[in-house]
C-alpha atoms as a PDB file:
ATOM      1  CA  MET A   1      29.352   1.012   3.755  1.00  0.00           C
ATOM      2  CA  ALA A   2      30.034  -2.520   2.634  1.00  0.00           C
ATOM      3  CA  LEU A   3      29.326  -4.988   4.504  1.00  0.00           C
ATOM      4  CA  ARG A   4      30.994  -9.144   4.238  1.00  0.00           C
ATOM      5  CA  TYR A   5      29.453 -12.923   5.255  1.00  0.00           C
ATOM      6  CA  GLU A   6      30.523 -15.705   5.426  1.00  0.00           C
ATOM      7  CA  LEU A   7      28.342 -18.615   5.209  1.00  0.00           C
ATOM      8  CA  ARG A   8      30.221 -21.480   7.436  1.00  0.00           C
ATOM      9  CA  ALA A   9      28.758 -23.133  10.233  1.00  0.00           C
ATOM     10  CA  SER A  10      28.949 -21.645  13.761  1.00  0.00           C
ATOM     11  CA  LYS A  11      27.751 -22.786  16.629  1.00  0.00           C
ATOM     12  CA  ALA A  12      24.315 -22.677  17.817  1.00  0.00           C
ATOM     13  CA  PRO A  13      24.248 -20.160  20.644  1.00  0.00           C
ATOM     14  CA  LYS A  14      22.225 -23.252  22.738  1.00  0.00           C
ATOM     15  CA  SER A  15      23.883 -26.036  21.629  1.00  0.00           C
ATOM     16  CA  PRO A  16      27.715 -25.254  20.560  1.00  0.00           C
ATOM     17  CA  GLN A  17      27.986 -28.672  20.545  1.00  0.00           C
ATOM     18  CA  LYS A  18      26.632 -28.769  16.800  1.00  0.00           C
ATOM     19  CA  PRO A  19      27.744 -26.795  14.457  1.00  0.00           C
ATOM     20  CA  VAL A  20      25.141 -24.961  11.927  1.00  0.00           C
ATOM     21  CA  PRO A  21      24.699 -22.526   8.915  1.00  0.00           C
ATOM     22  CA  ALA A  22      25.068 -19.253   9.494  1.00  0.00           C
ATOM     23  CA  LEU A  23      25.790 -15.525   8.689  1.00  0.00           C
ATOM     24  CA  VAL A  24      29.057 -14.949   9.790  1.00  0.00           C
ATOM     25  CA  PRO A  25      30.580 -10.889   9.686  1.00  0.00           C
ATOM     26  CA  VAL A  26      34.305 -10.954   7.413  1.00  0.00           C
ATOM     27  CA  GLU A  27      36.457  -8.359   7.168  1.00  0.00           C
ATOM     28  CA  GLU A  28      37.139  -7.867   3.825  1.00  0.00           C
ATOM     29  CA  GLU A  29      40.151  -9.500   2.903  1.00  0.00           C
ATOM     30  CA  GLU A  30      38.365 -12.181   5.099  1.00  0.00           C
ATOM     31  CA  ALA A  31      35.578 -11.962   1.800  1.00  0.00           C
ATOM     32  CA  ALA A  32      38.503 -11.984  -0.815  1.00  0.00           C
ATOM     33  CA  ARG A  33      39.981 -14.954  -0.352  1.00  0.00           C
ATOM     34  CA  ALA A  34      37.570 -17.593   1.688  1.00  0.00           C
ATOM     35  CA  LEU A  35      36.770 -20.504  -0.116  1.00  0.00           C
ATOM     36  CA  ALA A  36      32.799 -20.248   1.780  1.00  0.00           C
ATOM     37  CA  PRO A  37      30.416 -19.290  -0.310  1.00  0.00           C
ATOM     38  CA  VAL A  38      30.230 -14.955   0.518  1.00  0.00           C
ATOM     39  CA  VAL A  39      27.463 -12.373   0.569  1.00  0.00           C
ATOM     40  CA  GLU A  40      28.015  -8.901   0.910  1.00  0.00           C
ATOM     41  CA  VAL A  41      26.480  -5.375   0.644  1.00  0.00           C
ATOM     42  CA  LEU A  42      28.217  -3.117  -1.654  1.00  0.00           C
ATOM     43  CA  SER A  43      27.545   0.252  -3.241  1.00  0.00           C
ATOM     44  CA  PRO A  44      27.213   0.541  -6.188  1.00  0.00           C
ATOM     45  CA  ALA A  45      31.179   2.077  -6.814  1.00  0.00           C
ATOM     46  CA  GLU A  46      32.267  -1.254  -5.750  1.00  0.00           C
ATOM     47  CA  GLY A  47      30.283  -3.279  -7.742  1.00  0.00           C
ATOM     48  CA  ARG A  48      31.588  -2.296 -10.615  1.00  0.00           C
ATOM     49  CA  GLU A  49      35.110  -2.819  -9.179  1.00  0.00           C
ATOM     50  CA  ALA A  50      34.103  -6.582  -7.961  1.00  0.00           C
ATOM     51  CA  GLY A  51      36.899  -8.077 -10.266  1.00  0.00           C
ATOM     52  CA  PHE A  52      34.401 -11.913 -10.168  1.00  0.00           C
ATOM     53  CA  ILE A  53      30.852  -9.807 -11.784  1.00  0.00           C
ATOM     54  CA  ALA A  54      31.581 -10.570 -14.868  1.00  0.00           C
ATOM     55  CA  PRO A  55      31.268  -7.775 -17.303  1.00  0.00           C
ATOM     56  CA  GLU A  56      27.615  -8.953 -19.162  1.00  0.00           C
ATOM     57  CA  GLY A  57      26.412  -9.756 -15.603  1.00  0.00           C
ATOM     58  CA  ARG A  58      27.713  -5.966 -14.209  1.00  0.00           C
ATOM     59  CA  GLU A  59      25.958  -4.342 -16.956  1.00  0.00           C
ATOM     60  CA  ALA A  60      22.651  -6.211 -16.594  1.00  0.00           C
ATOM     61  CA  VAL A  61      22.865  -4.724 -13.283  1.00  0.00           C
ATOM     62  CA  GLU A  62      22.764  -1.692 -14.015  1.00  0.00           C
ATOM     63  CA  VAL A  63      20.199  -2.032 -16.406  1.00  0.00           C
ATOM     64  CA  LEU A  64      17.595  -3.282 -14.190  1.00  0.00           C
ATOM     65  CA  ALA A  65      18.842  -1.112 -11.184  1.00  0.00           C
ATOM     66  CA  ALA A  66      17.604   1.973 -13.357  1.00  0.00           C
ATOM     67  CA  VAL A  67      14.530   0.264 -14.000  1.00  0.00           C
ATOM     68  CA  LYS A  68      13.149   0.527 -10.283  1.00  0.00           C
ATOM     69  CA  SER A  69      10.897  -2.846 -10.528  1.00  0.00           C
ATOM     70  CA  ASN A  70      11.131  -6.403  -9.424  1.00  0.00           C
ATOM     71  CA  LEU A  71      13.054  -7.996 -11.989  1.00  0.00           C
ATOM     72  CA  VAL A  72      15.045 -10.752 -12.070  1.00  0.00           C
ATOM     73  CA  GLU A  73      17.404 -12.001 -15.410  1.00  0.00           C
ATOM     74  CA  VAL A  74      19.165 -15.432 -16.502  1.00  0.00           C
ATOM     75  CA  PHE A  75      22.329 -15.460 -17.056  1.00  0.00           C
ATOM     76  CA  PRO A  76      24.246 -19.479 -17.981  1.00  0.00           C
ATOM     77  CA  ASP A  77      26.626 -19.234 -14.967  1.00  0.00           C
ATOM     78  CA  PHE A  78      24.758 -16.838 -13.216  1.00  0.00           C
ATOM     79  CA  VAL A  79      21.341 -14.732 -11.715  1.00  0.00           C
ATOM     80  CA  VAL A  80      21.132 -10.960 -11.766  1.00  0.00           C
ATOM     81  CA  GLY A  81      18.171  -9.297 -10.844  1.00  0.00           C
ATOM     82  CA  SER A  82      17.189  -5.938  -9.047  1.00  0.00           C
ATOM     83  CA  PHE A  83      14.289  -4.504  -5.964  1.00  0.00           C
ATOM     84  CA  ALA A  84      12.154  -2.114  -5.320  1.00  0.00           C
ATOM     85  CA  VAL A  85      10.713  -2.558  -2.534  1.00  0.00           C
ATOM     86  CA  PRO A  86       7.701   0.111  -1.686  1.00  0.00           C
ATOM     87  CA  ASP A  87       7.178   2.041   2.098  1.00  0.00           C
ATOM     88  CA  HIS A  88       4.325   0.726   3.082  1.00  0.00           C
ATOM     89  CA  HIS A  89       2.049   3.236   4.601  1.00  0.00           C
ATOM     90  CA  ASP A  90       3.123   5.239   1.566  1.00  0.00           C
ATOM     91  CA  THR A  91       3.471   4.092  -1.551  1.00  0.00           C
ATOM     92  CA  THR A  92       3.856   7.482  -3.318  1.00  0.00           C
ATOM     93  CA  LYS A  93       7.168   7.713  -1.847  1.00  0.00           C
ATOM     94  CA  PRO A  94      10.498   6.782  -3.727  1.00  0.00           C
ATOM     95  CA  PRO A  95      10.903   2.976  -3.460  1.00  0.00           C
ATOM     96  CA  ALA A  96      13.842   1.471  -1.566  1.00  0.00           C
ATOM     97  CA  LEU A  97      15.842  -0.109  -4.350  1.00  0.00           C
ATOM     98  CA  PHE A  98      19.106  -1.809  -4.601  1.00  0.00           C
ATOM     99  CA  SER A  99      19.889  -5.392  -7.245  1.00  0.00           C
ATOM    100  CA  PHE A 100      22.016  -8.094  -7.259  1.00  0.00           C
ATOM    101  CA  TYR A 101      24.370 -11.080  -8.777  1.00  0.00           C
ATOM    102  CA  LEU A 102      24.092 -14.109  -7.213  1.00  0.00           C
ATOM    103  CA  ASP A 103      25.988 -17.011  -8.429  1.00  0.00           C
ATOM    104  CA  LYS A 104      27.725 -20.024  -6.378  1.00  0.00           C
ATOM    105  CA  GLN A 105      30.200 -18.843  -5.043  1.00  0.00           C
ATOM    106  CA  HIS A 106      28.028 -15.267  -4.349  1.00  0.00           C
ATOM    107  CA  LEU A 107      25.197 -12.904  -3.751  1.00  0.00           C
ATOM    108  CA  VAL A 108      26.168  -9.339  -3.481  1.00  0.00           C
ATOM    109  CA  PHE A 109      23.552  -6.903  -3.020  1.00  0.00           C
ATOM    110  CA  ILE A 110      24.326  -3.501  -4.956  1.00  0.00           C
ATOM    111  CA  GLU A 111      22.284  -0.180  -2.187  1.00  0.00           C
ATOM    112  CA  ASP A 112      22.592   2.847  -2.197  1.00  0.00           C
ATOM    113  CA  GLY A 113      20.796   3.068   1.142  1.00  0.00           C
ATOM    114  CA  GLN A 114      20.138   1.006   4.100  1.00  0.00           C
ATOM    115  CA  CYS A 115      17.156  -1.605   3.596  1.00  0.00           C
ATOM    116  CA  ALA A 116      18.974  -5.308   1.680  1.00  0.00           C
ATOM    117  CA  ALA A 117      22.393  -4.337   4.423  1.00  0.00           C
ATOM    118  CA  GLU A 118      18.997  -4.340   7.326  1.00  0.00           C
ATOM    119  CA  LEU A 119      17.518  -7.241   6.146  1.00  0.00           C
ATOM    120  CA  LEU A 120      20.784  -9.364   5.991  1.00  0.00           C
ATOM    121  CA  GLU A 121      22.123  -8.192   9.796  1.00  0.00           C
ATOM    122  CA  LYS A 122      18.190  -9.651  10.609  1.00  0.00           C
ATOM    123  CA  MET A 123      18.794 -12.698   9.241  1.00  0.00           C
ATOM    124  CA  ALA A 124      22.077 -12.638  10.635  1.00  0.00           C
ATOM    125  CA  ASP A 125      21.183 -12.199  14.347  1.00  0.00           C
ATOM    126  CA  SER A 126      18.203 -14.539  14.091  1.00  0.00           C
ATOM    127  CA  GLY A 127      20.263 -17.875  12.936  1.00  0.00           C
ATOM    128  CA  VAL A 128      17.428 -19.260  10.301  1.00  0.00           C
ATOM    129  CA  MET A 129      20.343 -20.862   7.894  1.00  0.00           C
ATOM    130  CA  ARG A 130      19.476 -23.812   6.984  1.00  0.00           C
ATOM    131  CA  SER A 131      22.242 -24.732   3.306  1.00  0.00           C
ATOM    132  CA  LEU A 132      25.650 -23.189   3.435  1.00  0.00           C
ATOM    133  CA  SER A 133      24.742 -21.857   0.292  1.00  0.00           C
ATOM    134  CA  THR A 134      24.025 -18.320  -2.109  1.00  0.00           C
ATOM    135  CA  ALA A 135      20.875 -19.288  -3.294  1.00  0.00           C
ATOM    136  CA  HIS A 136      19.293 -20.446   0.378  1.00  0.00           C
ATOM    137  CA  CYS A 137      20.616 -16.897   1.262  1.00  0.00           C
ATOM    138  CA  LEU A 138      18.544 -15.051  -1.189  1.00  0.00           C
ATOM    139  CA  TYR A 139      15.743 -17.353  -0.641  1.00  0.00           C
ATOM    140  CA  LEU A 140      15.614 -16.117   2.625  1.00  0.00           C
ATOM    141  CA  PHE A 141      15.952 -13.312   2.380  1.00  0.00           C
ATOM    142  CA  MET A 142      12.952 -12.578   0.070  1.00  0.00           C
ATOM    143  CA  LYS A 143      10.946 -14.354   3.049  1.00  0.00           C
ATOM    144  CA  THR A 144      12.396 -11.917   5.228  1.00  0.00           C
ATOM    145  CA  LEU A 145      11.697  -9.240   3.176  1.00  0.00           C
ATOM    146  CA  LEU A 146       7.623 -10.661   3.139  1.00  0.00           C
ATOM    147  CA  MET A 147       7.920 -11.591   6.175  1.00  0.00           C
ATOM    148  CA  ASN A 148       5.695  -9.376   8.144  1.00  0.00           C
ATOM    149  CA  ASP A 149       3.789  -8.140   5.443  1.00  0.00           C
ATOM    150  CA  PHE A 150       0.514 -10.359   5.627  1.00  0.00           C
ATOM    151  CA  VAL A 151       0.579  -8.609   9.446  1.00  0.00           C
ATOM    152  CA  PHE A 152       1.031  -5.294   7.871  1.00  0.00           C
ATOM    153  CA  LEU A 153      -2.193  -6.422   6.147  1.00  0.00           C
ATOM    154  CA  ALA A 154      -3.787  -7.219   8.648  1.00  0.00           C
ATOM    155  CA  GLU A 155      -3.366  -3.409  10.393  1.00  0.00           C
ATOM    156  CA  LEU A 156      -4.848  -2.268   7.563  1.00  0.00           C
ATOM    157  CA  GLU A 157      -7.303  -3.583   6.841  1.00  0.00           C
ATOM    158  CA  GLU A 158      -8.169  -2.633  10.875  1.00  0.00           C
ATOM    159  CA  SER A 159      -7.428   0.566   9.558  1.00  0.00           C
ATOM    160  CA  MET A 160     -10.135   0.430   6.989  1.00  0.00           C
ATOM    161  CA  GLU A 161     -12.851  -1.444   9.333  1.00  0.00           C
ATOM    162  CA  ASP A 162     -12.758   1.455  11.903  1.00  0.00           C
ATOM    163  CA  LEU A 163     -13.018   3.982   8.990  1.00  0.00           C
ATOM    164  CA  GLU A 164     -16.391   2.886   8.073  1.00  0.00           C
ATOM    165  CA  GLU A 165     -17.195   2.293  11.036  1.00  0.00           C
ATOM    166  CA  ALA A 166     -17.156   6.184  12.063  1.00  0.00           C
ATOM    167  CA  MET A 167     -18.351   6.818   8.438  1.00  0.00           C
ATOM    168  CA  LEU A 168     -21.097   4.256   9.239  1.00  0.00           C
ATOM    169  CA  ALA A 169     -21.903   6.490  13.138  1.00  0.00           C
ATOM    170  CA  ARG A 170     -20.998  10.158  11.359  1.00  0.00           C
ATOM    171  CA  GLN A 171     -18.107  10.708  13.586  1.00  0.00           C
ATOM    172  CA  VAL A 172     -16.158  12.177  11.226  1.00  0.00           C
ATOM    173  CA  ASP A 173     -16.060  14.113   7.998  1.00  0.00           C
ATOM    174  CA  VAL A 174     -13.718  11.572   6.104  1.00  0.00           C
ATOM    175  CA  SER A 175     -11.802  13.919   2.908  1.00  0.00           C
ATOM    176  CA  THR A 176     -11.940  11.719  -0.276  1.00  0.00           C
ATOM    177  CA  LEU A 177      -7.754  11.500   0.191  1.00  0.00           C
ATOM    178  CA  ARG A 178      -8.004   9.778   2.693  1.00  0.00           C
ATOM    179  CA  ILE A 179     -10.345   6.963   1.124  1.00  0.00           C
ATOM    180  CA  MET A 180      -7.818   7.321  -2.432  1.00  0.00           C
ATOM    181  CA  ASN A 181      -5.084   7.361  -0.035  1.00  0.00           C
ATOM    182  CA  PHE A 182      -5.611   3.634   0.562  1.00  0.00           C
ATOM    183  CA  ARG A 183      -6.541   2.825  -2.956  1.00  0.00           C
ATOM    184  CA  ARG A 184      -3.403   3.543  -3.757  1.00  0.00           C
ATOM    185  CA  GLN A 185      -0.987   1.697  -1.380  1.00  0.00           C
ATOM    186  CA  THR A 186      -3.406  -1.733  -2.222  1.00  0.00           C
ATOM    187  CA  ILE A 187      -2.642  -1.317  -5.415  1.00  0.00           C
ATOM    188  CA  GLY A 188       1.341  -0.054  -5.122  1.00  0.00           C
ATOM    189  CA  LEU A 189       1.841  -3.389  -2.869  1.00  0.00           C
ATOM    190  CA  GLY A 190      -0.129  -6.043  -5.009  1.00  0.00           C
ATOM    191  CA  MET A 191       1.741  -4.494  -7.873  1.00  0.00           C
ATOM    192  CA  TYR A 192       4.764  -4.915  -5.637  1.00  0.00           C
ATOM    193  CA  TYR A 193       3.960  -8.517  -4.441  1.00  0.00           C
ATOM    194  CA  GLN A 194       2.805  -9.654  -8.394  1.00  0.00           C
ATOM    195  CA  GLN A 195       6.676  -8.983  -9.234  1.00  0.00           C
ATOM    196  CA  ILE A 196       8.245 -10.269  -6.277  1.00  0.00           C
ATOM    197  CA  GLY A 197       6.269 -13.938  -6.954  1.00  0.00           C
ATOM    198  CA  ALA A 198       7.181 -13.346  -9.928  1.00  0.00           C
ATOM    199  CA  MET A 199      10.632 -13.086  -9.410  1.00  0.00           C
ATOM    200  CA  ALA A 200      10.346 -16.239  -7.635  1.00  0.00           C
ATOM    201  CA  ASP A 201       8.793 -18.163 -10.288  1.00  0.00           C
ATOM    202  CA  VAL A 202      12.290 -17.445 -12.436  1.00  0.00           C
ATOM    203  CA  VAL A 203      14.393 -18.198  -9.934  1.00  0.00           C
ATOM    204  CA  GLY A 204      12.707 -21.033  -9.293  1.00  0.00           C
ATOM    205  CA  ASP A 205      12.640 -22.358 -12.755  1.00  0.00           C
ATOM    206  CA  ASP A 206      16.924 -22.703 -12.582  1.00  0.00           C
ATOM    207  CA  GLU A 207      17.169 -22.891 -15.809  1.00  0.00           C
ATOM    208  CA  ASN A 208      20.702 -22.513 -15.862  1.00  0.00           C
ATOM    209  CA  LYS A 209      21.093 -25.498 -12.995  1.00  0.00           C
ATOM    210  CA  LEU A 210      22.865 -23.312 -10.351  1.00  0.00           C
ATOM    211  CA  LEU A 211      20.099 -24.335  -7.616  1.00  0.00           C
ATOM    212  CA  SER A 212      19.469 -28.294  -6.327  1.00  0.00           C
ATOM    213  CA  ARG A 213      15.795 -29.498  -6.309  1.00  0.00           C
ATOM    214  CA  GLY A 214      14.888 -28.439  -2.790  1.00  0.00           C
ATOM    215  CA  GLU A 215      16.457 -24.608  -3.455  1.00  0.00           C
ATOM    216  CA  ALA A 216      14.504 -24.837  -6.353  1.00  0.00           C
ATOM    217  CA  HIS A 217      11.370 -25.747  -4.899  1.00  0.00           C
ATOM    218  CA  SER A 218      11.999 -23.134  -1.860  1.00  0.00           C
ATOM    219  CA  PHE A 219      11.485 -20.175  -4.711  1.00  0.00           C
ATOM    220  CA  ASP A 220       8.293 -21.552  -5.359  1.00  0.00           C
ATOM    221  CA  ARG A 221       7.298 -21.617  -1.679  1.00  0.00           C
ATOM    222  CA  ILE A 222       7.943 -17.722  -2.041  1.00  0.00           C
ATOM    223  CA  ALA A 223       5.806 -17.282  -5.269  1.00  0.00           C
ATOM    224  CA  SER A 224       3.128 -18.628  -3.375  1.00  0.00           C
ATOM    225  CA  PHE A 225       3.005 -16.336  -0.142  1.00  0.00           C
ATOM    226  CA  ALA A 226       3.662 -13.469  -2.677  1.00  0.00           C
ATOM    227  CA  ASP A 227       0.582 -14.789  -4.608  1.00  0.00           C
ATOM    228  CA  ARG A 228      -0.944 -14.959  -1.328  1.00  0.00           C
ATOM    229  CA  LEU A 229      -0.015 -11.397  -0.449  1.00  0.00           C
ATOM    230  CA  THR A 230      -1.537 -10.730  -3.743  1.00  0.00           C
ATOM    231  CA  ALA A 231      -4.736 -11.419  -3.070  1.00  0.00           C
ATOM    232  CA  ARG A 232      -5.029 -10.529  -0.028  1.00  0.00           C
ATOM    233  CA  ALA A 233      -4.341  -6.805  -1.219  1.00  0.00           C
ATOM    234  CA  GLU A 234      -6.329  -6.679  -4.043  1.00  0.00           C
ATOM    235  CA  ALA A 235      -9.315  -8.396  -1.333  1.00  0.00           C
ATOM    236  CA  LEU A 236      -7.912  -4.685   0.433  1.00  0.00           C
ATOM    237  CA  LYS A 237      -8.065  -3.033  -3.054  1.00  0.00           C
ATOM    238  CA  GLU A 238     -12.099  -3.745  -3.835  1.00  0.00           C
ATOM    239  CA  TYR A 239     -12.881  -3.123   0.320  1.00  0.00           C
ATOM    240  CA  SER A 240     -11.625   0.832   0.073  1.00  0.00           C
ATOM    241  CA  MET A 241     -13.732   1.352  -3.521  1.00  0.00           C
ATOM    242  CA  GLN A 242     -16.725   0.237  -1.210  1.00  0.00           C
ATOM    243  CA  LEU A 243     -14.635   2.982   1.232  1.00  0.00           C
ATOM    244  CA  HIS A 244     -15.393   4.909  -1.747  1.00  0.00           C
ATOM    245  CA  GLU A 245     -18.640   4.511  -2.252  1.00  0.00           C
ATOM    246  CA  LEU A 246     -19.993   4.918   1.232  1.00  0.00           C
ATOM    247  CA  HIS A 247     -18.088   7.792   1.423  1.00  0.00           C
ATOM    248  CA  GLN A 248     -20.370   9.476  -1.652  1.00  0.00           C
ATOM    249  CA  THR A 249     -23.595   8.046  -0.564  1.00  0.00           C
ATOM    250  CA  ARG A 250     -22.637  10.125   2.785  1.00  0.00           C
ATOM    251  CA  ILE A 251     -22.177  13.229   0.457  1.00  0.00           C
ATOM    252  CA  SER A 252     -24.619  13.073  -1.897  1.00  0.00           C
ATOM    253  CA  LEU A 253     -27.266  12.290   1.928  1.00  0.00           C
ATOM    254  CA  LYS A 254     -25.851  15.439   2.933  1.00  0.00           C
ATOM    255  CA  GLN A 255     -26.429  17.597  -0.033  1.00  0.00           C
ATOM    256  CA  ASN A 256     -30.455  15.577  -0.469  1.00  0.00           C
ATOM    257  CA  SER A 257     -30.231  16.978   3.595  1.00  0.00           C
ATOM    258  CA  VAL A 258     -29.107  19.944   2.861  1.00  0.00           C
ATOM    259  CA  MET A 259     -31.292  21.171  -0.263  1.00  0.00           C
ATOM    260  CA  GLN A 260     -34.888  19.493   1.620  1.00  0.00           C
ATOM    261  CA  VAL A 261     -34.034  21.902   3.865  1.00  0.00           C
ATOM    262  CA  LEU A 262     -33.999  24.943   1.380  1.00  0.00           C
ATOM    263  CA  THR A 263     -36.805  23.715  -0.560  1.00  0.00           C
ATOM    264  CA  ILE A 264     -38.694  23.451   2.718  1.00  0.00           C
ATOM    265  CA  VAL A 265     -37.672  27.149   3.843  1.00  0.00           C
ATOM    266  CA  THR A 266     -38.661  28.287   0.105  1.00  0.00           C
ATOM    267  CA  VAL A 267     -42.194  26.531   0.684  1.00  0.00           C
ATOM    268  CA  LEU A 268     -42.547  28.017   3.521  1.00  0.00           C
ATOM    269  CA  PHE A 269     -42.095  31.452   2.076  1.00  0.00           C
ATOM    270  CA  ALA A 270     -44.075  30.970  -0.320  1.00  0.00           C
ATOM    271  CA  PRO A 271     -47.299  32.786   1.382  1.00  0.00           C
ATOM    272  CA  LEU A 272     -45.542  35.904   2.237  1.00  0.00           C
ATOM    273  CA  THR A 273     -44.310  36.423  -1.556  1.00  0.00           C
ATOM    274  CA  LEU A 274     -47.088  35.776  -3.434  1.00  0.00           C
ATOM    275  CA  VAL A 275     -48.696  38.898  -1.044  1.00  0.00           C
ATOM    276  CA  THR A 276     -45.220  40.837  -1.346  1.00  0.00           C
ATOM    277  CA  GLY A 277     -46.388  40.193  -5.066  1.00  0.00           C
ATOM    278  CA  TRP A 278     -49.885  40.765  -5.685  1.00  0.00           C
ATOM    279  CA  PHE A 279     -50.135  43.616  -3.643  1.00  0.00           C
ATOM    280  CA  GLY A 280     -46.438  44.846  -5.475  1.00  0.00           C
ATOM    281  CA  MET A 281     -47.684  45.288  -8.465  1.00  0.00           C
ATOM    282  CA  ASN A 282     -47.854  49.061  -9.895  1.00  0.00           C
ATOM    283  CA  LEU A 283     -51.623  49.349 -10.764  1.00  0.00           C
ATOM    284  CA  ALA A 284     -53.408  52.753  -9.674  1.00  0.00           C
ATOM    285  CA  VAL A 285     -56.552  50.197  -8.548  1.00  0.00           C
ATOM    286  CA  MET A 286     -56.445  46.650  -6.071  1.00  0.00           C
ATOM    287  CA  PRO A 287     -59.560  45.276  -5.395  1.00  0.00           C
ATOM    288  CA  GLY A 288     -59.994  45.028  -1.698  1.00  0.00           C
ATOM    289  CA  LEU A 289     -57.105  48.116  -0.761  1.00  0.00           C
ATOM    290  CA  ASP A 290     -59.490  50.140   1.651  1.00  0.00           C
ATOM    291  CA  TRP A 291     -60.861  46.808   3.046  1.00  0.00           C
ATOM    292  CA  PRO A 292     -59.430  47.912   6.962  1.00  0.00           C
ATOM    293  CA  TRP A 293     -58.749  43.912   8.590  1.00  0.00           C
ATOM    294  CA  LEU A 294     -57.332  43.192   5.015  1.00  0.00           C
ATOM    295  CA  TRP A 295     -53.812  42.768   6.158  1.00  0.00           C
ATOM    296  CA  ALA A 296     -54.969  41.315   9.393  1.00  0.00           C
ATOM    297  CA  LEU A 297     -56.963  38.397   7.109  1.00  0.00           C
ATOM    298  CA  LEU A 298     -53.358  38.416   5.368  1.00  0.00           C
ATOM    299  CA  ILE A 299     -51.168  37.207   8.265  1.00  0.00           C
ATOM    300  CA  VAL A 300     -53.732  34.985   9.944  1.00  0.00           C
ATOM    301  CA  LEU A 301     -54.056  33.155   6.568  1.00  0.00           C
ATOM    302  CA  ALA A 302     -49.536  33.788   6.189  1.00  0.00           C
ATOM    303  CA  VAL A 303     -49.709  32.018   9.925  1.00  0.00           C
ATOM    304  CA  THR A 304     -52.531  29.425   9.273  1.00  0.00           C
ATOM    305  CA  PHE A 305     -50.564  27.655   6.251  1.00  0.00           C
ATOM    306  CA  SER A 306     -47.452  28.399   7.129  1.00  0.00           C
ATOM    307  CA  SER A 307     -47.876  25.742  10.590  1.00  0.00           C
ATOM    308  CA  GLY A 308     -49.729  23.597   8.223  1.00  0.00           C
ATOM    309  CA  LEU A 309     -46.154  23.099   6.278  1.00  0.00           C
ATOM    310  CA  LEU A 310     -44.511  23.085   9.498  1.00  0.00           C
ATOM    311  CA  ALA A 311     -47.114  20.441  10.443  1.00  0.00           C
ATOM    312  CA  PHE A 312     -46.920  18.355   7.960  1.00  0.00           C
ATOM    313  CA  PHE A 313     -43.190  17.984   6.985  1.00  0.00           C
ATOM    314  CA  HIS A 314     -42.896  17.518  10.704  1.00  0.00           C
ATOM    315  CA  ARG A 315     -45.609  14.356  10.511  1.00  0.00           C
ATOM    316  CA  LYS A 316     -43.304  13.320   7.217  1.00  0.00           C
ATOM    317  CA  GLY A 317     -39.930  13.062   9.620  1.00  0.00           C
ATOM    318  CA  TRP A 318     -38.713  15.810   7.177  1.00  0.00           C
ATOM    319  CA  LEU A 319     -37.905  18.156  10.027  1.00  0.00           C
END
């Protein structure tokens, strides 16, 4: 369902006497005849029918949307771009895809899903608008998009620390897939933040002079924020690789422990193996076979030898 807002001054709940910029919901007819800037969320079919979007802009929007990445392209009178917002908890899932068109009077998001609509509703409810311009609205949109990501990355790091402590304490058996999921997650988020930062840089350069100096500077802040998120995701990626190395070390230690036990068992049974091999030979004459105390002597020697080996292994800490 389409969503439409008009950027105009509205009375603030806490101080009604002082109008503030706001996203005010309007109907389609009101948006069509509005003199103030308009922000809309349209379906792809509605976007193709929007008369205020130039043909080259409509074509550029469709091309960028098909790329499934975070990109922006600047034209003389407008800016178009696309977003591919990953599922932070599982970056292997398809991202939320939507595109946008920006000029001085219109900011239009075109999507099949609900991501852009939910972010705009959040912005409208928060009352954080400071300027009645579409560029300022796009800035707040990108800021809202990244707002809680530092908190999410902190929670992700806590999960990785808990996993590390559990591995060190040998409380759980961790699968390699679980650790690699952390790595894929941080790599995907790092690429996403890099692309958002690059988008903000391009818009902030303001080659077509659609933005005021303050609005261009605000996109520089978005780029800086995205760079910090990129660095944080990169640090977590390195941490996930350390977890993988720790996991491999634990596997190696476990394998060494199993091989140590097998070696000890083999050594303990070596005397019996020797006796079995010696007396199992098909010889006509075997020295000592006629001695009545031979088997008692062999048993005593085997028990003594095995007991000595057990005592030696215990003293070395191998048992």
